[in-house]
Amino acid sequence: MNKDKLLVCEHCGNIVRMVYDSGVPVMCCGEAMVPLKEETAEEAPRGKHENYMVCNCNQVSYLDIVDALHAGKDMDSVLSAFESVKDTTRCSTGCGGCYDKVMTIISDVMMGHA
């Protein structure tokens, strides 16, 4: 039995799990998705402080989000902080595939985990 394979869209960052490979390429954003390396899986960056690309549509990195979060004035709630970060960086205004990643980063920073 084949092991499931994770694929990632290099444009928007969407990740899918392939349970059966029929030989037809899995497409996203008009491009074939590529195998996701284990060390770059979505959960790998969590809790780390190195920079990595979060929003491929607008080229927004982890550190761009953290900087925008600290520069923002509204830290009352995760959603209001998200709106402030989104206005500053334009993350999650393209395909929206990075929304969960951005929310996780904001939550981690606000909770002191990052």
N, C-alpha and C. Protein backbone atom coordinates (compact mmCIF):
# COMPACT_ATOMS: atom_id res chain seq x y z
N MET A 1 0.84 -1.18 0.00
CA MET A 1 0.00 0.00 0.00
C MET A 1 0.89 1.24 0.00
N ASN A 2 0.55 2.23 -0.83
CA ASN A 2 1.32 3.47 -0.90
C ASN A 2 1.02 4.35 0.31
N LYS A 3 2.06 5.02 0.79
CA LYS A 3 1.90 5.98 1.86
C LYS A 3 1.29 7.26 1.28
N ASP A 4 0.36 7.89 2.05
CA ASP A 4 -0.20 9.16 1.60
C ASP A 4 0.93 10.15 1.37
N LYS A 5 0.72 11.04 0.38
CA LYS A 5 1.73 12.03 0.06
C LYS A 5 1.10 13.42 0.19
N LEU A 6 1.83 14.35 0.82
CA LEU A 6 1.37 15.72 0.92
C LEU A 6 1.91 16.51 -0.26
N LEU A 7 1.04 17.32 -0.86
CA LEU A 7 1.42 18.18 -1.97
C LEU A 7 1.13 19.62 -1.58
N VAL A 8 1.96 20.54 -2.06
CA VAL A 8 1.79 21.96 -1.76
C VAL A 8 1.76 22.76 -3.05
N CYS A 9 0.92 23.80 -3.06
CA CYS A 9 0.91 24.75 -4.17
C CYS A 9 1.99 25.79 -3.88
N GLU A 10 2.92 25.93 -4.79
CA GLU A 10 4.01 26.88 -4.59
C GLU A 10 3.55 28.32 -4.73
N HIS A 11 2.35 28.53 -5.24
CA HIS A 11 1.83 29.89 -5.38
C HIS A 11 1.09 30.35 -4.12
N CYS A 12 0.08 29.58 -3.68
CA CYS A 12 -0.76 30.04 -2.57
C CYS A 12 -0.48 29.32 -1.26
N GLY A 13 0.25 28.21 -1.30
CA GLY A 13 0.56 27.49 -0.07
C GLY A 13 -0.46 26.45 0.34
N ASN A 14 -1.53 26.24 -0.46
CA ASN A 14 -2.50 25.20 -0.13
C ASN A 14 -1.80 23.85 -0.05
N ILE A 15 -2.26 23.02 0.88
CA ILE A 15 -1.68 21.69 1.06
C ILE A 15 -2.79 20.66 0.93
N VAL A 16 -2.53 19.60 0.16
CA VAL A 16 -3.49 18.50 0.02
C VAL A 16 -2.79 17.18 0.30
N ARG A 17 -3.58 16.20 0.71
CA ARG A 17 -3.06 14.85 0.95
C ARG A 17 -3.55 13.96 -0.19
N MET A 18 -2.60 13.36 -0.90
CA MET A 18 -2.93 12.44 -1.98
C MET A 18 -2.98 11.03 -1.39
N VAL A 19 -4.15 10.41 -1.48
CA VAL A 19 -4.29 9.06 -0.95
C VAL A 19 -4.16 8.01 -2.04
N TYR A 20 -4.34 8.43 -3.29
CA TYR A 20 -4.16 7.52 -4.43
C TYR A 20 -3.61 8.33 -5.58
N ASP A 21 -2.53 7.88 -6.18
CA ASP A 21 -1.90 8.57 -7.30
C ASP A 21 -2.32 7.90 -8.60
N SER A 22 -3.19 8.59 -9.35
CA SER A 22 -3.67 8.05 -10.63
C SER A 22 -2.76 8.45 -11.77
N GLY A 23 -1.73 9.25 -11.47
CA GLY A 23 -0.81 9.69 -12.50
C GLY A 23 -1.17 11.05 -13.10
N VAL A 24 -2.33 11.58 -12.74
CA VAL A 24 -2.76 12.89 -13.23
C VAL A 24 -2.26 13.94 -12.23
N PRO A 25 -1.58 15.00 -12.69
CA PRO A 25 -1.08 16.00 -11.75
C PRO A 25 -2.20 16.71 -11.00
N VAL A 26 -1.99 16.96 -9.73
CA VAL A 26 -2.93 17.73 -8.92
C VAL A 26 -2.60 19.20 -9.15
N MET A 27 -3.61 19.97 -9.52
CA MET A 27 -3.40 21.36 -9.91
C MET A 27 -3.99 22.31 -8.87
N CYS A 28 -3.35 23.46 -8.72
CA CYS A 28 -3.85 24.55 -7.89
C CYS A 28 -3.27 25.84 -8.45
N CYS A 29 -4.05 26.88 -8.51
CA CYS A 29 -3.60 28.18 -9.05
C CYS A 29 -3.01 28.04 -10.45
N GLY A 30 -3.50 27.06 -11.22
CA GLY A 30 -3.05 26.87 -12.58
C GLY A 30 -1.71 26.16 -12.71
N GLU A 31 -1.16 25.67 -11.61
CA GLU A 31 0.14 24.99 -11.62
C GLU A 31 0.03 23.63 -10.95
N ALA A 32 0.90 22.71 -11.37
CA ALA A 32 0.95 21.40 -10.71
C ALA A 32 1.51 21.58 -9.31
N MET A 33 0.87 20.92 -8.35
CA MET A 33 1.35 20.97 -6.97
C MET A 33 2.59 20.08 -6.85
N VAL A 34 3.46 20.41 -5.90
CA VAL A 34 4.71 19.68 -5.73
C VAL A 34 4.72 18.99 -4.36
N PRO A 35 5.51 17.92 -4.23
CA PRO A 35 5.58 17.24 -2.93
C PRO A 35 6.06 18.19 -1.83
N LEU A 36 5.45 18.08 -0.67
CA LEU A 36 5.81 18.90 0.48
C LEU A 36 6.90 18.19 1.24
N LYS A 37 8.02 18.86 1.42
CA LYS A 37 9.11 18.28 2.19
C LYS A 37 8.69 18.24 3.65
N GLU A 38 9.04 17.19 4.35
CA GLU A 38 8.59 17.01 5.72
C GLU A 38 8.98 18.17 6.62
N GLU A 39 10.17 18.74 6.44
CA GLU A 39 10.60 19.81 7.31
C GLU A 39 9.90 21.13 7.02
N THR A 40 9.12 21.22 5.94
CA THR A 40 8.38 22.45 5.66
C THR A 40 6.89 22.25 5.81
N ALA A 41 6.47 21.19 6.47
CA ALA A 41 5.05 20.97 6.69
C ALA A 41 4.47 22.14 7.48
N GLU A 42 3.18 22.35 7.32
CA GLU A 42 2.53 23.52 7.89
C GLU A 42 2.80 23.71 9.37
N GLU A 43 2.87 22.67 10.13
CA GLU A 43 3.09 22.80 11.57
C GLU A 43 4.55 23.03 11.93
N ALA A 44 5.48 22.76 11.03
CA ALA A 44 6.91 22.89 11.36
C ALA A 44 7.31 24.29 11.79
N PRO A 45 6.83 25.35 11.13
CA PRO A 45 7.28 26.68 11.55
C PRO A 45 6.75 27.12 12.90
N ARG A 46 5.66 26.54 13.36
CA ARG A 46 5.03 26.98 14.60
C ARG A 46 6.02 26.92 15.76
N GLY A 47 6.14 28.03 16.46
CA GLY A 47 7.01 28.10 17.61
C GLY A 47 8.45 28.42 17.27
N LYS A 48 8.79 28.47 16.01
CA LYS A 48 10.16 28.81 15.61
C LYS A 48 10.23 30.30 15.33
N HIS A 49 11.40 30.85 15.42
CA HIS A 49 11.55 32.28 15.23
C HIS A 49 12.27 32.63 13.93
N GLU A 50 12.55 31.67 13.07
CA GLU A 50 13.19 32.01 11.81
C GLU A 50 12.14 32.47 10.81
N ASN A 51 12.59 33.17 9.80
CA ASN A 51 11.69 33.75 8.81
C ASN A 51 11.33 32.71 7.75
N TYR A 52 10.10 32.76 7.27
CA TYR A 52 9.64 31.92 6.17
C TYR A 52 8.46 32.62 5.51
N MET A 53 8.18 32.27 4.27
CA MET A 53 7.11 32.91 3.52
C MET A 53 5.76 32.35 3.98
N VAL A 54 4.84 33.23 4.33
CA VAL A 54 3.51 32.84 4.79
C VAL A 54 2.48 33.08 3.68
N CYS A 55 2.53 34.26 3.07
CA CYS A 55 1.59 34.64 2.01
C CYS A 55 2.36 34.76 0.70
N ASN A 56 2.22 33.77 -0.14
CA ASN A 56 2.93 33.80 -1.42
C ASN A 56 2.33 34.80 -2.39
N CYS A 57 1.03 35.04 -2.31
CA CYS A 57 0.39 35.98 -3.24
C CYS A 57 0.98 37.38 -3.11
N ASN A 58 1.21 37.82 -1.87
CA ASN A 58 1.70 39.18 -1.62
C ASN A 58 3.10 39.21 -1.02
N GLN A 59 3.77 38.06 -1.04
CA GLN A 59 5.15 37.96 -0.56
C GLN A 59 5.31 38.51 0.86
N VAL A 60 4.49 38.00 1.78
CA VAL A 60 4.53 38.41 3.18
C VAL A 60 5.15 37.29 3.99
N SER A 61 6.21 37.62 4.73
CA SER A 61 6.92 36.62 5.52
C SER A 61 6.42 36.61 6.96
N TYR A 62 6.85 35.61 7.69
CA TYR A 62 6.54 35.49 9.12
C TYR A 62 6.95 36.76 9.85
N LEU A 63 8.17 37.24 9.60
CA LEU A 63 8.65 38.42 10.31
C LEU A 63 7.90 39.68 9.89
N ASP A 64 7.42 39.76 8.65
CA ASP A 64 6.58 40.88 8.23
C ASP A 64 5.31 40.93 9.08
N ILE A 65 4.72 39.77 9.32
CA ILE A 65 3.49 39.69 10.11
C ILE A 65 3.76 40.07 11.56
N VAL A 66 4.85 39.55 12.13
CA VAL A 66 5.20 39.86 13.52
C VAL A 66 5.48 41.36 13.66
N ASP A 67 6.22 41.93 12.72
CA ASP A 67 6.51 43.37 12.76
C ASP A 67 5.23 44.20 12.68
N ALA A 68 4.33 43.83 11.77
CA ALA A 68 3.07 44.56 11.62
C ALA A 68 2.21 44.42 12.87
N LEU A 69 2.25 43.25 13.49
CA LEU A 69 1.48 43.02 14.70
C LEU A 69 1.98 43.91 15.84
N HIS A 70 3.30 43.99 15.98
CA HIS A 70 3.87 44.83 17.05
C HIS A 70 3.67 46.32 16.77
N ALA A 71 3.62 46.70 15.50
CA ALA A 71 3.42 48.10 15.13
C ALA A 71 1.96 48.52 15.25
N GLY A 72 1.05 47.54 15.22
CA GLY A 72 -0.38 47.83 15.30
C GLY A 72 -0.78 48.32 16.68
N LYS A 73 -1.85 49.07 16.69
CA LYS A 73 -2.32 49.64 17.94
C LYS A 73 -3.42 48.80 18.58
N ASP A 74 -4.02 47.92 17.81
CA ASP A 74 -5.18 47.17 18.30
C ASP A 74 -4.81 45.73 18.62
N MET A 75 -4.59 45.46 19.89
CA MET A 75 -4.24 44.11 20.33
C MET A 75 -5.32 43.57 21.26
N ASP A 76 -6.56 44.08 21.13
CA ASP A 76 -7.64 43.65 22.01
C ASP A 76 -8.14 42.25 21.69
N SER A 77 -8.13 41.90 20.41
CA SER A 77 -8.59 40.58 20.01
C SER A 77 -7.79 40.10 18.81
N VAL A 78 -7.80 38.80 18.60
CA VAL A 78 -7.08 38.22 17.47
C VAL A 78 -7.66 38.74 16.16
N LEU A 79 -8.98 38.84 16.08
CA LEU A 79 -9.60 39.30 14.83
C LEU A 79 -9.27 40.76 14.52
N SER A 80 -9.27 41.62 15.52
CA SER A 80 -8.92 43.02 15.26
C SER A 80 -7.44 43.15 14.93
N ALA A 81 -6.60 42.34 15.58
CA ALA A 81 -5.17 42.33 15.25
C ALA A 81 -4.97 41.83 13.83
N PHE A 82 -5.75 40.81 13.42
CA PHE A 82 -5.66 40.30 12.06
C PHE A 82 -6.00 41.39 11.05
N GLU A 83 -7.06 42.15 11.30
CA GLU A 83 -7.44 43.23 10.38
C GLU A 83 -6.32 44.26 10.26
N SER A 84 -5.69 44.58 11.38
CA SER A 84 -4.59 45.54 11.36
C SER A 84 -3.39 45.00 10.56
N VAL A 85 -3.04 43.74 10.79
CA VAL A 85 -1.93 43.12 10.07
C VAL A 85 -2.26 43.01 8.59
N LYS A 86 -3.49 42.63 8.28
CA LYS A 86 -3.92 42.51 6.88
C LYS A 86 -3.84 43.87 6.17
N ASP A 87 -4.28 44.94 6.84
CA ASP A 87 -4.22 46.27 6.24
C ASP A 87 -2.78 46.70 5.99
N THR A 88 -1.87 46.33 6.88
CA THR A 88 -0.47 46.73 6.76
C THR A 88 0.28 45.91 5.72
N THR A 89 0.09 44.58 5.73
CA THR A 89 0.90 43.70 4.89
C THR A 89 0.19 43.23 3.61
N ARG A 90 -1.14 43.31 3.58
CA ARG A 90 -1.97 42.78 2.50
C ARG A 90 -2.00 41.25 2.47
N CYS A 91 -1.54 40.61 3.56
CA CYS A 91 -1.62 39.15 3.63
C CYS A 91 -3.09 38.74 3.67
N SER A 92 -3.38 37.60 3.12
CA SER A 92 -4.72 37.02 3.08
C SER A 92 -5.72 37.86 2.28
N THR A 93 -5.23 38.68 1.35
CA THR A 93 -6.13 39.45 0.49
C THR A 93 -6.11 38.91 -0.94
N GLY A 94 -5.28 37.90 -1.21
CA GLY A 94 -5.23 37.29 -2.53
C GLY A 94 -6.14 36.08 -2.55
N CYS A 95 -5.56 34.91 -2.55
CA CYS A 95 -6.34 33.67 -2.64
C CYS A 95 -6.95 33.28 -1.29
N GLY A 96 -6.40 33.80 -0.18
CA GLY A 96 -6.91 33.47 1.15
C GLY A 96 -6.34 32.19 1.72
N GLY A 97 -5.46 31.54 1.00
CA GLY A 97 -4.90 30.27 1.46
C GLY A 97 -4.03 30.38 2.70
N CYS A 98 -3.58 31.59 3.03
CA CYS A 98 -2.70 31.77 4.18
C CYS A 98 -3.46 32.20 5.44
N TYR A 99 -4.76 32.35 5.34
CA TYR A 99 -5.55 32.88 6.47
C TYR A 99 -5.28 32.13 7.77
N ASP A 100 -5.36 30.81 7.75
CA ASP A 100 -5.15 30.02 8.97
C ASP A 100 -3.73 30.19 9.51
N LYS A 101 -2.74 30.25 8.62
CA LYS A 101 -1.36 30.43 9.06
C LYS A 101 -1.18 31.80 9.73
N VAL A 102 -1.77 32.84 9.12
CA VAL A 102 -1.66 34.19 9.68
C VAL A 102 -2.33 34.24 11.05
N MET A 103 -3.51 33.65 11.17
CA MET A 103 -4.22 33.64 12.46
C MET A 103 -3.42 32.88 13.52
N THR A 104 -2.77 31.80 13.14
CA THR A 104 -1.95 31.04 14.08
C THR A 104 -0.77 31.87 14.56
N ILE A 105 -0.11 32.57 13.64
CA ILE A 105 1.03 33.41 14.01
C ILE A 105 0.58 34.51 14.98
N ILE A 106 -0.52 35.18 14.64
CA ILE A 106 -1.03 36.25 15.51
C ILE A 106 -1.39 35.71 16.88
N SER A 107 -2.07 34.57 16.91
CA SER A 107 -2.44 33.96 18.20
C SER A 107 -1.21 33.60 19.01
N ASP A 108 -0.22 32.99 18.36
CA ASP A 108 1.00 32.61 19.06
C ASP A 108 1.72 33.81 19.63
N VAL A 109 1.82 34.88 18.84
CA VAL A 109 2.50 36.09 19.31
C VAL A 109 1.74 36.71 20.48
N MET A 110 0.42 36.80 20.35
CA MET A 110 -0.39 37.41 21.40
C MET A 110 -0.36 36.59 22.69
N MET A 111 -0.20 35.28 22.57
CA MET A 111 -0.16 34.41 23.75
C MET A 111 1.27 34.26 24.29
N GLY A 112 2.24 34.88 23.60
CA GLY A 112 3.62 34.80 24.05
C GLY A 112 4.33 33.53 23.68
N HIS A 113 3.81 32.78 22.71
CA HIS A 113 4.43 31.52 22.29
C HIS A 113 5.41 31.70 21.17
N ALA A 114 5.52 32.91 20.64
CA ALA A 114 6.44 33.15 19.52
C ALA A 114 7.32 34.34 19.81
